[in-house]
Amino acid sequence: MALPPPDDTLRNHLHDQARTAATRLRQEAVEDFWRGADAAWQRVAQGSQALALRSAARLRARLTRHTLLRAAAQTAPSITPPEGF
């Protein structure tokens, strides 16, 4: 027992509903994509910033240690070997 084909008005209405639903879903998918891409970019940017801050802190510590060692070397008495050594 086959159903009679829908009339043109009903078929056009269903087609319009399907087109509207497809457009909405496509827009949601695009928005979700860009939201995810933006979140990924934020994570990369935060990771890069953290890496740059860590590198700057390490450089600062190395420069401080270098400065202290140079100051200590300049103020330390010079050691001369004994005669005949």
N, C-alpha and C. Protein backbone atom coordinates (compact mmCIF):
# COMPACT_ATOMS: atom_id res chain seq x y z
N MET A 1 0.84 -1.17 0.00
CA MET A 1 0.00 0.00 0.00
C MET A 1 0.89 1.24 0.00
N ALA A 2 0.95 1.94 -1.08
CA ALA A 2 1.78 3.13 -1.23
C ALA A 2 0.99 4.37 -0.85
N LEU A 3 1.70 5.29 -0.25
CA LEU A 3 1.07 6.56 0.10
C LEU A 3 1.00 7.44 -1.13
N PRO A 4 -0.01 8.23 -1.21
CA PRO A 4 -0.09 9.14 -2.36
C PRO A 4 0.99 10.21 -2.23
N PRO A 5 1.54 10.67 -3.32
CA PRO A 5 2.59 11.70 -3.23
C PRO A 5 2.01 12.98 -2.63
N PRO A 6 2.83 13.69 -1.84
CA PRO A 6 2.33 14.93 -1.24
C PRO A 6 2.06 15.97 -2.32
N ASP A 7 1.14 16.83 -2.03
CA ASP A 7 0.84 17.87 -3.01
C ASP A 7 2.00 18.86 -3.08
N ASP A 8 2.02 19.67 -4.08
CA ASP A 8 3.14 20.58 -4.31
C ASP A 8 3.35 21.56 -3.16
N THR A 9 2.26 22.05 -2.57
CA THR A 9 2.38 23.01 -1.48
C THR A 9 3.07 22.39 -0.28
N LEU A 10 2.67 21.17 0.09
CA LEU A 10 3.29 20.49 1.23
C LEU A 10 4.75 20.17 0.93
N ARG A 11 5.02 19.70 -0.27
CA ARG A 11 6.40 19.37 -0.64
C ARG A 11 7.27 20.61 -0.60
N ASN A 12 6.79 21.72 -1.11
CA ASN A 12 7.56 22.97 -1.08
C ASN A 12 7.79 23.43 0.36
N HIS A 13 6.79 23.28 1.20
CA HIS A 13 6.91 23.67 2.60
C HIS A 13 7.98 22.81 3.29
N LEU A 14 7.94 21.50 3.05
CA LEU A 14 8.94 20.61 3.65
C LEU A 14 10.34 20.93 3.13
N HIS A 15 10.43 21.25 1.87
CA HIS A 15 11.72 21.62 1.28
C HIS A 15 12.25 22.90 1.93
N ASP A 16 11.40 23.88 2.12
CA ASP A 16 11.81 25.13 2.78
C ASP A 16 12.24 24.88 4.22
N GLN A 17 11.53 24.02 4.93
CA GLN A 17 11.92 23.70 6.31
C GLN A 17 13.29 23.02 6.33
N ALA A 18 13.51 22.09 5.41
CA ALA A 18 14.80 21.41 5.35
C ALA A 18 15.93 22.38 5.02
N ARG A 19 15.68 23.30 4.09
CA ARG A 19 16.69 24.30 3.73
C ARG A 19 17.00 25.20 4.92
N THR A 20 15.98 25.63 5.65
CA THR A 20 16.18 26.48 6.83
C THR A 20 16.97 25.75 7.90
N ALA A 21 16.62 24.48 8.14
CA ALA A 21 17.34 23.70 9.14
C ALA A 21 18.80 23.49 8.73
N ALA A 22 19.04 23.24 7.45
CA ALA A 22 20.41 23.04 6.96
C ALA A 22 21.23 24.32 7.11
N THR A 23 20.63 25.45 6.82
CA THR A 23 21.32 26.73 6.97
C THR A 23 21.68 26.99 8.43
N ARG A 24 20.73 26.73 9.32
CA ARG A 24 20.98 26.93 10.76
C ARG A 24 22.11 26.01 11.24
N LEU A 25 22.06 24.74 10.85
CA LEU A 25 23.09 23.80 11.27
C LEU A 25 24.47 24.19 10.72
N ARG A 26 24.49 24.67 9.48
CA ARG A 26 25.75 25.11 8.88
C ARG A 26 26.32 26.29 9.64
N GLN A 27 25.47 27.25 9.99
CA GLN A 27 25.93 28.42 10.75
C GLN A 27 26.46 28.01 12.12
N GLU A 28 25.76 27.07 12.78
CA GLU A 28 26.22 26.59 14.08
C GLU A 28 27.57 25.89 13.95
N ALA A 29 27.74 25.10 12.89
CA ALA A 29 29.00 24.39 12.68
C ALA A 29 30.14 25.37 12.45
N VAL A 30 29.88 26.41 11.67
CA VAL A 30 30.92 27.41 11.41
C VAL A 30 31.26 28.14 12.71
N GLU A 31 30.25 28.52 13.48
CA GLU A 31 30.50 29.20 14.75
C GLU A 31 31.27 28.30 15.70
N ASP A 32 30.92 27.03 15.77
CA ASP A 32 31.64 26.09 16.63
C ASP A 32 33.09 25.95 16.18
N PHE A 33 33.30 25.89 14.86
CA PHE A 33 34.66 25.78 14.35
C PHE A 33 35.50 26.97 14.79
N TRP A 34 34.98 28.18 14.58
CA TRP A 34 35.76 29.37 14.93
C TRP A 34 35.92 29.52 16.43
N ARG A 35 34.93 29.10 17.20
CA ARG A 35 35.07 29.13 18.65
C ARG A 35 36.19 28.21 19.08
N GLY A 36 36.24 27.00 18.51
CA GLY A 36 37.30 26.06 18.83
C GLY A 36 38.66 26.55 18.37
N ALA A 37 38.71 27.14 17.18
CA ALA A 37 39.98 27.67 16.67
C ALA A 37 40.47 28.81 17.56
N ASP A 38 39.56 29.65 18.00
CA ASP A 38 39.93 30.76 18.88
C ASP A 38 40.45 30.23 20.22
N ALA A 39 39.79 29.21 20.76
CA ALA A 39 40.25 28.63 22.02
C ALA A 39 41.63 28.01 21.86
N ALA A 40 41.87 27.33 20.74
CA ALA A 40 43.19 26.74 20.49
C ALA A 40 44.25 27.84 20.37
N TRP A 41 43.92 28.91 19.68
CA TRP A 41 44.86 30.03 19.54
C TRP A 41 45.17 30.65 20.90
N GLN A 42 44.16 30.78 21.74
CA GLN A 42 44.37 31.33 23.08
C GLN A 42 45.34 30.45 23.87
N ARG A 43 45.15 29.12 23.79
CA ARG A 43 46.05 28.21 24.50
C ARG A 43 47.48 28.33 23.99
N VAL A 44 47.64 28.43 22.68
CA VAL A 44 48.98 28.58 22.11
C VAL A 44 49.60 29.89 22.57
N ALA A 45 48.82 30.95 22.53
CA ALA A 45 49.32 32.27 22.94
C ALA A 45 49.72 32.26 24.41
N GLN A 46 48.90 31.63 25.26
CA GLN A 46 49.23 31.57 26.68
C GLN A 46 50.48 30.73 26.91
N GLY A 47 50.61 29.63 26.17
CA GLY A 47 51.80 28.80 26.29
C GLY A 47 53.04 29.54 25.86
N SER A 48 52.94 30.31 24.77
CA SER A 48 54.07 31.10 24.29
C SER A 48 54.44 32.18 25.30
N GLN A 49 53.42 32.79 25.87
CA GLN A 49 53.68 33.84 26.86
C GLN A 49 54.35 33.25 28.09
N ALA A 50 53.89 32.10 28.54
CA ALA A 50 54.50 31.45 29.70
C ALA A 50 55.94 31.08 29.40
N LEU A 51 56.21 30.59 28.20
CA LEU A 51 57.57 30.23 27.80
C LEU A 51 58.46 31.46 27.77
N ALA A 52 57.95 32.57 27.24
CA ALA A 52 58.74 33.80 27.19
C ALA A 52 59.03 34.32 28.60
N LEU A 53 58.05 34.26 29.49
CA LEU A 53 58.27 34.70 30.88
C LEU A 53 59.30 33.82 31.57
N ARG A 54 59.22 32.51 31.35
CA ARG A 54 60.18 31.59 31.95
C ARG A 54 61.58 31.87 31.42
N SER A 55 61.71 32.09 30.12
CA SER A 55 63.02 32.38 29.53
C SER A 55 63.58 33.68 30.09
N ALA A 56 62.73 34.68 30.24
CA ALA A 56 63.18 35.96 30.79
C ALA A 56 63.64 35.80 32.23
N ALA A 57 62.93 35.01 33.01
CA ALA A 57 63.33 34.78 34.41
C ALA A 57 64.65 34.03 34.48
N ARG A 58 64.85 33.06 33.61
CA ARG A 58 66.11 32.32 33.60
C ARG A 58 67.27 33.21 33.19
N LEU A 59 67.05 34.07 32.19
CA LEU A 59 68.10 35.00 31.77
C LEU A 59 68.44 35.97 32.89
N ARG A 60 67.42 36.48 33.56
CA ARG A 60 67.65 37.40 34.68
C ARG A 60 68.48 36.72 35.77
N ALA A 61 68.16 35.46 36.09
CA ALA A 61 68.91 34.73 37.12
C ALA A 61 70.36 34.50 36.68
N ARG A 62 70.56 34.17 35.41
CA ARG A 62 71.92 33.96 34.92
C ARG A 62 72.73 35.25 34.97
N LEU A 63 72.12 36.37 34.57
CA LEU A 63 72.83 37.65 34.61
C LEU A 63 73.16 38.06 36.04
N THR A 64 72.23 37.83 36.95
CA THR A 64 72.48 38.14 38.36
C THR A 64 73.63 37.30 38.89
N ARG A 65 73.60 36.00 38.61
CA ARG A 65 74.67 35.11 39.07
C ARG A 65 76.01 35.52 38.45
N HIS A 66 76.02 35.88 37.20
CA HIS A 66 77.25 36.31 36.53
C HIS A 66 77.80 37.59 37.17
N THR A 67 76.91 38.54 37.43
CA THR A 67 77.32 39.79 38.06
C THR A 67 77.91 39.55 39.44
N LEU A 68 77.26 38.68 40.21
CA LEU A 68 77.77 38.38 41.56
C LEU A 68 79.13 37.69 41.51
N LEU A 69 79.31 36.77 40.58
CA LEU A 69 80.60 36.08 40.46
C LEU A 69 81.70 37.03 40.03
N ARG A 70 81.39 37.95 39.12
CA ARG A 70 82.40 38.94 38.70
C ARG A 70 82.77 39.87 39.85
N ALA A 71 81.75 40.28 40.62
CA ALA A 71 82.02 41.17 41.75
C ALA A 71 82.86 40.44 42.80
N ALA A 72 82.56 39.18 43.03
CA ALA A 72 83.32 38.40 44.00
C ALA A 72 84.75 38.19 43.52
N ALA A 73 84.95 37.98 42.24
CA ALA A 73 86.30 37.77 41.70
C ALA A 73 87.13 39.04 41.78
N GLN A 74 86.50 40.19 41.63
CA GLN A 74 87.25 41.46 41.69
C GLN A 74 87.62 41.83 43.11
N THR A 75 86.82 41.44 44.09
CA THR A 75 87.11 41.82 45.48
C THR A 75 87.93 40.76 46.20
N ALA A 76 88.06 39.58 45.64
CA ALA A 76 88.82 38.51 46.30
C ALA A 76 90.30 38.84 46.21
N PRO A 77 91.04 38.54 47.27
CA PRO A 77 92.49 38.79 47.21
C PRO A 77 93.12 37.85 46.18
N SER A 78 94.11 38.37 45.53
CA SER A 78 94.76 37.54 44.53
C SER A 78 95.68 36.56 45.25
N ILE A 79 95.71 35.37 44.80
CA ILE A 79 96.53 34.33 45.41
C ILE A 79 97.77 34.15 44.54
N THR A 80 98.90 34.34 45.18
CA THR A 80 100.16 34.13 44.46
C THR A 80 100.81 32.86 44.98
N PRO A 81 101.34 32.09 44.06
CA PRO A 81 101.98 30.85 44.52
C PRO A 81 103.26 31.17 45.30
N PRO A 82 103.62 30.31 46.21
CA PRO A 82 104.85 30.56 46.97
C PRO A 82 106.08 30.46 46.05
N GLU A 83 107.16 31.01 46.55
CA GLU A 83 108.42 31.02 45.79
C GLU A 83 108.85 29.59 45.52
N GLY A 84 109.27 29.36 44.35
CA GLY A 84 109.79 28.06 43.98
C GLY A 84 108.71 27.08 43.56
N PHE A 85 107.60 27.51 43.42
CA PHE A 85 106.51 26.63 43.04
C PHE A 85 106.29 26.64 41.58
